Amino acid sequence: MESNEYFGSKAGTVWNVLNNKKPMNAVQLKKATKLKSEHVFAALGWLAREGKIGISKNKFYLTE
């Protein structure tokens, strides 16, 4: 599996959780996705670079 595919799948997992729930902080996302912390942060970076998430009061939310 290539790194784009690997981290893209983690980003998809985080996106799906945010799409089905209210805004969440990193700890809540880790628990909801069952991903390692470093994968949650990599996914958040991926989604932020694509302009798909925002942050307010330390909680992440979808912008689309």
N, C-alpha and C. Protein backbone atom coordinates (compact mmCIF):
# COMPACT_ATOMS: atom_id res chain seq x y z
N MET A 1 0.85 -1.18 0.00
CA MET A 1 0.00 0.00 0.00
C MET A 1 0.90 1.24 0.00
N GLU A 2 0.59 2.16 -0.87
CA GLU A 2 1.37 3.40 -0.95
C GLU A 2 0.97 4.34 0.19
N SER A 3 1.87 5.26 0.53
CA SER A 3 1.60 6.16 1.66
C SER A 3 0.37 7.02 1.41
N ASN A 4 0.14 7.47 0.18
CA ASN A 4 -1.07 8.27 -0.10
C ASN A 4 -2.33 7.48 0.18
N GLU A 5 -2.32 6.23 -0.22
CA GLU A 5 -3.48 5.36 0.02
C GLU A 5 -3.64 5.08 1.52
N TYR A 6 -2.52 4.83 2.18
CA TYR A 6 -2.54 4.52 3.61
C TYR A 6 -3.08 5.69 4.43
N PHE A 7 -2.49 6.86 4.24
CA PHE A 7 -2.94 8.02 5.02
C PHE A 7 -4.26 8.57 4.52
N GLY A 8 -4.55 8.38 3.25
CA GLY A 8 -5.85 8.77 2.73
C GLY A 8 -6.97 7.98 3.38
N SER A 9 -6.72 6.70 3.65
CA SER A 9 -7.75 5.89 4.32
C SER A 9 -7.96 6.35 5.75
N LYS A 10 -6.90 6.78 6.43
CA LYS A 10 -7.03 7.31 7.80
C LYS A 10 -7.83 8.61 7.77
N ALA A 11 -7.54 9.45 6.78
CA ALA A 11 -8.28 10.71 6.63
C ALA A 11 -9.75 10.43 6.37
N GLY A 12 -10.04 9.41 5.58
CA GLY A 12 -11.43 9.03 5.32
C GLY A 12 -12.15 8.57 6.57
N THR A 13 -11.44 7.85 7.42
CA THR A 13 -12.02 7.40 8.69
C THR A 13 -12.38 8.59 9.56
N VAL A 14 -11.46 9.54 9.69
CA VAL A 14 -11.73 10.74 10.50
C VAL A 14 -12.87 11.54 9.88
N TRP A 15 -12.86 11.70 8.57
CA TRP A 15 -13.91 12.46 7.89
C TRP A 15 -15.27 11.83 8.17
N ASN A 16 -15.36 10.50 8.06
CA ASN A 16 -16.64 9.82 8.30
C ASN A 16 -17.15 10.05 9.71
N VAL A 17 -16.26 10.02 10.69
CA VAL A 17 -16.68 10.26 12.08
C VAL A 17 -17.18 11.69 12.24
N LEU A 18 -16.45 12.65 11.68
CA LEU A 18 -16.88 14.05 11.79
C LEU A 18 -18.17 14.29 11.02
N ASN A 19 -18.37 13.56 9.95
CA ASN A 19 -19.58 13.72 9.14
C ASN A 19 -20.82 13.22 9.89
N ASN A 20 -20.65 12.27 10.78
CA ASN A 20 -21.78 11.68 11.49
C ASN A 20 -21.96 12.19 12.91
N LYS A 21 -21.09 13.06 13.36
CA LYS A 21 -21.16 13.54 14.74
C LYS A 21 -20.93 15.04 14.79
N LYS A 22 -21.04 15.58 15.97
CA LYS A 22 -20.75 17.00 16.18
C LYS A 22 -19.23 17.21 16.18
N PRO A 23 -18.77 18.45 16.20
CA PRO A 23 -17.33 18.71 16.27
C PRO A 23 -16.68 17.98 17.45
N MET A 24 -15.44 17.54 17.23
CA MET A 24 -14.73 16.76 18.24
C MET A 24 -13.29 17.25 18.37
N ASN A 25 -12.73 17.08 19.57
CA ASN A 25 -11.32 17.36 19.75
C ASN A 25 -10.52 16.11 19.38
N ALA A 26 -9.19 16.22 19.41
CA ALA A 26 -8.33 15.12 18.98
C ALA A 26 -8.51 13.87 19.84
N VAL A 27 -8.69 14.04 21.13
CA VAL A 27 -8.88 12.89 22.03
C VAL A 27 -10.18 12.17 21.69
N GLN A 28 -11.23 12.92 21.44
CA GLN A 28 -12.51 12.32 21.08
C GLN A 28 -12.42 11.60 19.73
N LEU A 29 -11.68 12.20 18.79
CA LEU A 29 -11.51 11.56 17.48
C LEU A 29 -10.72 10.26 17.60
N LYS A 30 -9.70 10.26 18.44
CA LYS A 30 -8.91 9.05 18.64
C LYS A 30 -9.79 7.93 19.17
N LYS A 31 -10.62 8.24 20.13
CA LYS A 31 -11.51 7.24 20.72
C LYS A 31 -12.55 6.76 19.71
N ALA A 32 -13.15 7.70 18.98
CA ALA A 32 -14.21 7.36 18.03
C ALA A 32 -13.69 6.57 16.82
N THR A 33 -12.47 6.86 16.39
CA THR A 33 -11.92 6.20 15.20
C THR A 33 -11.10 4.96 15.54
N LYS A 34 -10.67 4.86 16.80
CA LYS A 34 -9.80 3.76 17.23
C LYS A 34 -8.46 3.79 16.49
N LEU A 35 -8.05 4.99 16.06
CA LEU A 35 -6.75 5.17 15.41
C LEU A 35 -5.71 5.58 16.45
N LYS A 36 -4.45 5.35 16.13
CA LYS A 36 -3.36 5.84 16.97
C LYS A 36 -3.34 7.37 16.87
N SER A 37 -2.82 8.01 17.91
CA SER A 37 -2.76 9.48 17.93
C SER A 37 -2.07 10.03 16.70
N GLU A 38 -0.94 9.44 16.33
CA GLU A 38 -0.19 9.97 15.18
C GLU A 38 -0.99 9.84 13.89
N HIS A 39 -1.83 8.83 13.79
CA HIS A 39 -2.66 8.69 12.60
C HIS A 39 -3.80 9.70 12.59
N VAL A 40 -4.35 10.00 13.75
CA VAL A 40 -5.39 11.04 13.84
C VAL A 40 -4.81 12.38 13.39
N PHE A 41 -3.62 12.71 13.89
CA PHE A 41 -3.03 14.00 13.53
C PHE A 41 -2.62 14.05 12.06
N ALA A 42 -2.14 12.94 11.52
CA ALA A 42 -1.83 12.89 10.09
C ALA A 42 -3.10 13.07 9.27
N ALA A 43 -4.17 12.43 9.69
CA ALA A 43 -5.45 12.56 8.98
C ALA A 43 -5.97 13.98 9.06
N LEU A 44 -5.85 14.60 10.22
CA LEU A 44 -6.29 16.00 10.36
C LEU A 44 -5.48 16.92 9.45
N GLY A 45 -4.19 16.68 9.37
CA GLY A 45 -3.34 17.46 8.47
C GLY A 45 -3.76 17.28 7.02
N TRP A 46 -4.04 16.06 6.65
CA TRP A 46 -4.48 15.74 5.28
C TRP A 46 -5.78 16.50 4.97
N LEU A 47 -6.74 16.39 5.88
CA LEU A 47 -8.03 17.05 5.67
C LEU A 47 -7.91 18.57 5.68
N ALA A 48 -7.05 19.09 6.53
CA ALA A 48 -6.84 20.54 6.58
C ALA A 48 -6.23 21.04 5.28
N ARG A 49 -5.27 20.30 4.76
CA ARG A 49 -4.63 20.71 3.51
C ARG A 49 -5.63 20.71 2.36
N GLU A 50 -6.58 19.80 2.41
CA GLU A 50 -7.62 19.75 1.37
C GLU A 50 -8.74 20.76 1.63
N GLY A 51 -8.67 21.48 2.75
CA GLY A 51 -9.68 22.48 3.06
C GLY A 51 -11.01 21.89 3.49
N LYS A 52 -10.98 20.66 4.02
CA LYS A 52 -12.22 19.98 4.38
C LYS A 52 -12.59 20.10 5.85
N ILE A 53 -11.67 20.58 6.68
CA ILE A 53 -11.99 20.74 8.10
C ILE A 53 -11.61 22.13 8.59
N GLY A 54 -12.25 22.51 9.66
CA GLY A 54 -11.92 23.74 10.36
C GLY A 54 -11.74 23.40 11.83
N ILE A 55 -11.29 24.39 12.58
CA ILE A 55 -11.11 24.19 14.02
C ILE A 55 -11.64 25.41 14.75
N SER A 56 -12.37 25.15 15.83
CA SER A 56 -12.91 26.21 16.67
C SER A 56 -12.93 25.70 18.11
N LYS A 57 -12.34 26.47 19.00
CA LYS A 57 -12.29 26.09 20.42
C LYS A 57 -11.73 24.68 20.59
N ASN A 58 -10.63 24.39 19.85
CA ASN A 58 -9.93 23.11 19.91
C ASN A 58 -10.76 21.92 19.46
N LYS A 59 -11.83 22.17 18.71
CA LYS A 59 -12.63 21.08 18.15
C LYS A 59 -12.62 21.19 16.64
N PHE A 60 -12.54 20.05 15.99
CA PHE A 60 -12.49 19.98 14.54
C PHE A 60 -13.89 19.72 13.99
N TYR A 61 -14.17 20.30 12.84
CA TYR A 61 -15.47 20.14 12.19
C TYR A 61 -15.27 20.16 10.68
N LEU A 62 -16.24 19.61 9.96
CA LEU A 62 -16.17 19.61 8.50
C LEU A 62 -16.61 20.97 7.97
N THR A 63 -15.93 21.42 6.93
CA THR A 63 -16.30 22.70 6.33
C THR A 63 -17.14 22.52 5.08
N GLU A 64 -17.23 21.30 4.59
CA GLU A 64 -18.01 21.05 3.37
C GLU A 64 -19.29 20.34 3.70
